[in-house]
Amino acid sequence: MELDHKARAAIEDIINRREGVNSIQTQLKEDIKAIAEYLAVKPAQVARIISLVERERAKGDVLEAERGVIDAAESMIPVTASTEEVQDA
């Protein structure tokens, strides 16, 4: 296959943009890590927050649905003795 100048330029442009995307992705990972360190949490927790906010902004009602799942899970966890003591006080 022989590439003319236009095809070579287009391929070179794609390569350059991919390098840019990789650089941005690396920087985002570092930023998430820095925020996680600041908040004293794991980077995965910060990434989860970001994901939830993005999904909420894109389609709405995501947080309410997540809250419902969390409430359902909490209802399945047995009450501990320390929780009972607090409620009795």
N, C-alpha and C. Protein backbone atom coordinates (compact mmCIF):
# COMPACT_ATOMS: atom_id res chain seq x y z
N MET A 1 0.86 -1.16 0.00
CA MET A 1 0.00 0.00 0.00
C MET A 1 0.91 1.23 0.00
N GLU A 2 0.60 2.14 -0.83
CA GLU A 2 1.38 3.37 -0.95
C GLU A 2 0.56 4.53 -0.38
N LEU A 3 1.18 5.31 0.49
CA LEU A 3 0.49 6.44 1.11
C LEU A 3 0.94 7.74 0.47
N ASP A 4 -0.03 8.53 0.08
CA ASP A 4 0.32 9.84 -0.46
C ASP A 4 0.49 10.82 0.71
N HIS A 5 0.84 12.04 0.39
CA HIS A 5 1.11 13.06 1.41
C HIS A 5 -0.11 13.31 2.30
N LYS A 6 -1.29 13.36 1.70
CA LYS A 6 -2.52 13.63 2.46
C LYS A 6 -2.79 12.50 3.46
N ALA A 7 -2.63 11.24 3.04
CA ALA A 7 -2.87 10.09 3.92
C ALA A 7 -1.85 10.06 5.04
N ARG A 8 -0.58 10.34 4.73
CA ARG A 8 0.46 10.38 5.75
C ARG A 8 0.17 11.46 6.79
N ALA A 9 -0.24 12.61 6.31
CA ALA A 9 -0.55 13.72 7.22
C ALA A 9 -1.72 13.36 8.13
N ALA A 10 -2.73 12.71 7.57
CA ALA A 10 -3.89 12.30 8.37
C ALA A 10 -3.50 11.28 9.43
N ILE A 11 -2.67 10.33 9.06
CA ILE A 11 -2.21 9.31 10.02
C ILE A 11 -1.36 9.95 11.10
N GLU A 12 -0.47 10.85 10.71
CA GLU A 12 0.37 11.56 11.68
C GLU A 12 -0.50 12.37 12.64
N ASP A 13 -1.56 12.98 12.14
CA ASP A 13 -2.48 13.74 12.99
C ASP A 13 -3.15 12.84 14.01
N ILE A 14 -3.58 11.67 13.59
CA ILE A 14 -4.21 10.71 14.51
C ILE A 14 -3.23 10.28 15.59
N ILE A 15 -2.00 9.99 15.19
CA ILE A 15 -0.98 9.59 16.16
C ILE A 15 -0.76 10.70 17.18
N ASN A 16 -0.65 11.94 16.71
CA ASN A 16 -0.44 13.07 17.62
C ASN A 16 -1.62 13.26 18.57
N ARG A 17 -2.83 13.11 18.07
CA ARG A 17 -4.00 13.25 18.94
C ARG A 17 -4.08 12.13 19.96
N ARG A 18 -3.72 10.91 19.58
CA ARG A 18 -3.69 9.80 20.54
C ARG A 18 -2.68 10.06 21.64
N GLU A 19 -1.53 10.58 21.28
CA GLU A 19 -0.53 10.93 22.28
C GLU A 19 -1.08 11.98 23.24
N GLY A 20 -1.81 12.95 22.69
CA GLY A 20 -2.44 13.99 23.52
C GLY A 20 -3.47 13.40 24.47
N VAL A 21 -4.28 12.49 23.97
CA VAL A 21 -5.30 11.84 24.80
C VAL A 21 -4.63 11.05 25.91
N ASN A 22 -3.58 10.31 25.59
CA ASN A 22 -2.86 9.54 26.61
C ASN A 22 -2.27 10.46 27.67
N SER A 23 -1.76 11.59 27.25
CA SER A 23 -1.19 12.55 28.19
C SER A 23 -2.27 13.10 29.12
N ILE A 24 -3.42 13.42 28.56
CA ILE A 24 -4.54 13.94 29.36
C ILE A 24 -5.02 12.87 30.34
N GLN A 25 -5.12 11.62 29.88
CA GLN A 25 -5.56 10.53 30.76
C GLN A 25 -4.59 10.35 31.93
N THR A 26 -3.31 10.42 31.64
CA THR A 26 -2.31 10.30 32.70
C THR A 26 -2.46 11.43 33.70
N GLN A 27 -2.66 12.64 33.21
CA GLN A 27 -2.82 13.79 34.10
C GLN A 27 -4.09 13.66 34.95
N LEU A 28 -5.17 13.17 34.36
CA LEU A 28 -6.41 12.96 35.12
C LEU A 28 -6.21 11.96 36.25
N LYS A 29 -5.49 10.88 35.97
CA LYS A 29 -5.20 9.88 37.01
C LYS A 29 -4.40 10.50 38.14
N GLU A 30 -3.43 11.33 37.80
CA GLU A 30 -2.63 11.99 38.82
C GLU A 30 -3.48 12.97 39.63
N ASP A 31 -4.37 13.68 38.96
CA ASP A 31 -5.26 14.62 39.66
C ASP A 31 -6.19 13.88 40.62
N ILE A 32 -6.74 12.77 40.18
CA ILE A 32 -7.63 11.97 41.04
C ILE A 32 -6.85 11.47 42.25
N LYS A 33 -5.64 11.01 42.02
CA LYS A 33 -4.80 10.52 43.12
C LYS A 33 -4.52 11.65 44.11
N ALA A 34 -4.23 12.84 43.61
CA ALA A 34 -3.95 13.98 44.48
C ALA A 34 -5.18 14.36 45.32
N ILE A 35 -6.35 14.35 44.71
CA ILE A 35 -7.59 14.65 45.44
C ILE A 35 -7.84 13.58 46.50
N ALA A 36 -7.61 12.34 46.13
CA ALA A 36 -7.80 11.23 47.08
C ALA A 36 -6.87 11.37 48.27
N GLU A 37 -5.63 11.72 48.02
CA GLU A 37 -4.68 11.93 49.12
C GLU A 37 -5.15 13.07 50.01
N TYR A 38 -5.61 14.15 49.40
CA TYR A 38 -6.11 15.30 50.16
C TYR A 38 -7.29 14.91 51.05
N LEU A 39 -8.19 14.08 50.51
CA LEU A 39 -9.38 13.67 51.24
C LEU A 39 -9.13 12.45 52.13
N ALA A 40 -7.93 11.87 52.04
CA ALA A 40 -7.56 10.67 52.79
C ALA A 40 -8.49 9.50 52.46
N VAL A 41 -8.75 9.32 51.18
CA VAL A 41 -9.55 8.19 50.70
C VAL A 41 -8.80 7.54 49.54
N LYS A 42 -9.33 6.44 49.06
CA LYS A 42 -8.72 5.75 47.93
C LYS A 42 -9.11 6.45 46.63
N PRO A 43 -8.21 6.44 45.63
CA PRO A 43 -8.54 7.04 44.34
C PRO A 43 -9.82 6.46 43.71
N ALA A 44 -10.08 5.19 43.97
CA ALA A 44 -11.30 4.58 43.42
C ALA A 44 -12.55 5.26 43.95
N GLN A 45 -12.51 5.73 45.20
CA GLN A 45 -13.67 6.43 45.76
C GLN A 45 -13.89 7.77 45.07
N VAL A 46 -12.81 8.47 44.78
CA VAL A 46 -12.93 9.75 44.06
C VAL A 46 -13.45 9.48 42.65
N ALA A 47 -12.93 8.45 42.00
CA ALA A 47 -13.39 8.10 40.66
C ALA A 47 -14.87 7.74 40.67
N ARG A 48 -15.31 7.07 41.72
CA ARG A 48 -16.74 6.70 41.84
C ARG A 48 -17.61 7.94 41.98
N ILE A 49 -17.16 8.90 42.78
CA ILE A 49 -17.90 10.16 42.94
C ILE A 49 -18.00 10.87 41.59
N ILE A 50 -16.88 10.95 40.89
CA ILE A 50 -16.88 11.61 39.59
C ILE A 50 -17.83 10.91 38.63
N SER A 51 -17.79 9.58 38.63
CA SER A 51 -18.66 8.82 37.76
C SER A 51 -20.13 9.08 38.06
N LEU A 52 -20.48 9.10 39.34
CA LEU A 52 -21.87 9.36 39.72
C LEU A 52 -22.31 10.76 39.30
N VAL A 53 -21.46 11.74 39.50
CA VAL A 53 -21.81 13.11 39.11
C VAL A 53 -21.99 13.21 37.59
N GLU A 54 -21.09 12.58 36.84
CA GLU A 54 -21.21 12.59 35.39
C GLU A 54 -22.49 11.93 34.93
N ARG A 55 -22.81 10.79 35.53
CA ARG A 55 -24.06 10.10 35.16
C ARG A 55 -25.28 10.92 35.54
N GLU A 56 -25.24 11.55 36.72
CA GLU A 56 -26.36 12.39 37.16
C GLU A 56 -26.55 13.55 36.19
N ARG A 57 -25.45 14.18 35.80
CA ARG A 57 -25.55 15.31 34.86
C ARG A 57 -26.05 14.87 33.50
N ALA A 58 -25.70 13.66 33.07
CA ALA A 58 -26.07 13.18 31.75
C ALA A 58 -27.54 12.76 31.66
N LYS A 59 -28.03 12.08 32.70
CA LYS A 59 -29.40 11.57 32.57
C LYS A 59 -30.29 11.79 33.78
N GLY A 60 -29.74 12.22 34.89
CA GLY A 60 -30.56 12.51 36.07
C GLY A 60 -31.05 11.27 36.78
N ASP A 61 -31.49 11.46 38.01
CA ASP A 61 -32.05 10.43 38.88
C ASP A 61 -31.09 9.30 39.22
N VAL A 62 -29.82 9.43 38.87
CA VAL A 62 -28.83 8.41 39.18
C VAL A 62 -28.58 8.36 40.67
N LEU A 63 -28.42 9.53 41.28
CA LEU A 63 -28.14 9.58 42.71
C LEU A 63 -29.31 9.01 43.51
N GLU A 64 -30.51 9.32 43.09
CA GLU A 64 -31.69 8.79 43.80
C GLU A 64 -31.75 7.28 43.67
N ALA A 65 -31.42 6.76 42.50
CA ALA A 65 -31.42 5.31 42.31
C ALA A 65 -30.34 4.66 43.17
N GLU A 66 -29.16 5.27 43.21
CA GLU A 66 -28.08 4.75 44.04
C GLU A 66 -28.47 4.79 45.51
N ARG A 67 -29.12 5.86 45.92
CA ARG A 67 -29.57 6.00 47.30
C ARG A 67 -30.55 4.87 47.64
N GLY A 68 -31.42 4.54 46.70
CA GLY A 68 -32.36 3.45 46.92
C GLY A 68 -31.66 2.12 47.11
N VAL A 69 -30.63 1.88 46.31
CA VAL A 69 -29.86 0.64 46.43
C VAL A 69 -29.15 0.59 47.79
N ILE A 70 -28.57 1.70 48.19
CA ILE A 70 -27.87 1.77 49.48
C ILE A 70 -28.86 1.54 50.62
N ASP A 71 -30.01 2.17 50.56
CA ASP A 71 -31.02 1.99 51.61
C ASP A 71 -31.45 0.52 51.70
N ALA A 72 -31.62 -0.12 50.54
CA ALA A 72 -32.01 -1.52 50.53
C ALA A 72 -30.92 -2.39 51.16
N ALA A 73 -29.67 -2.10 50.82
CA ALA A 73 -28.56 -2.87 51.39
C ALA A 73 -28.48 -2.66 52.90
N GLU A 74 -28.64 -1.42 53.35
CA GLU A 74 -28.59 -1.13 54.79
C GLU A 74 -29.69 -1.85 55.54
N SER A 75 -30.85 -1.98 54.92
CA SER A 75 -31.97 -2.64 55.59
C SER A 75 -31.70 -4.13 55.80
N MET A 76 -30.76 -4.68 55.05
CA MET A 76 -30.45 -6.11 55.17
C MET A 76 -29.35 -6.37 56.18
N ILE A 77 -28.70 -5.33 56.68
CA ILE A 77 -27.62 -5.49 57.65
C ILE A 77 -28.22 -5.51 59.04
N PRO A 78 -27.87 -6.52 59.84
CA PRO A 78 -28.44 -6.59 61.20
C PRO A 78 -27.93 -5.44 62.05
N VAL A 79 -28.76 -4.99 62.96
CA VAL A 79 -28.40 -3.92 63.88
C VAL A 79 -27.39 -4.47 64.87
N THR A 80 -26.29 -3.72 65.11
CA THR A 80 -25.25 -4.16 66.04
C THR A 80 -25.62 -3.72 67.46
N ALA A 81 -24.96 -4.29 68.44
CA ALA A 81 -25.22 -3.98 69.84
C ALA A 81 -24.94 -2.52 70.15
N SER A 82 -23.88 -1.97 69.56
CA SER A 82 -23.55 -0.57 69.84
C SER A 82 -24.62 0.36 69.30
N THR A 83 -25.21 0.02 68.16
CA THR A 83 -26.29 0.83 67.61
C THR A 83 -27.52 0.76 68.51
N GLU A 84 -27.80 -0.44 69.03
CA GLU A 84 -28.95 -0.61 69.93
C GLU A 84 -28.77 0.21 71.19
N GLU A 85 -27.54 0.25 71.72
CA GLU A 85 -27.26 1.00 72.93
C GLU A 85 -27.49 2.49 72.71
N VAL A 86 -27.09 3.00 71.55
CA VAL A 86 -27.29 4.42 71.23
C VAL A 86 -28.75 4.74 71.14
N GLN A 87 -29.53 3.83 70.53
CA GLN A 87 -30.97 4.07 70.39
C GLN A 87 -31.67 4.02 71.73
N ASP A 88 -31.20 3.17 72.66
CA ASP A 88 -31.82 3.05 73.98
C ASP A 88 -31.54 4.25 74.86
N ALA A 89 -30.44 4.97 74.60
CA ALA A 89 -30.02 6.08 75.47
C ALA A 89 -30.89 7.28 75.34
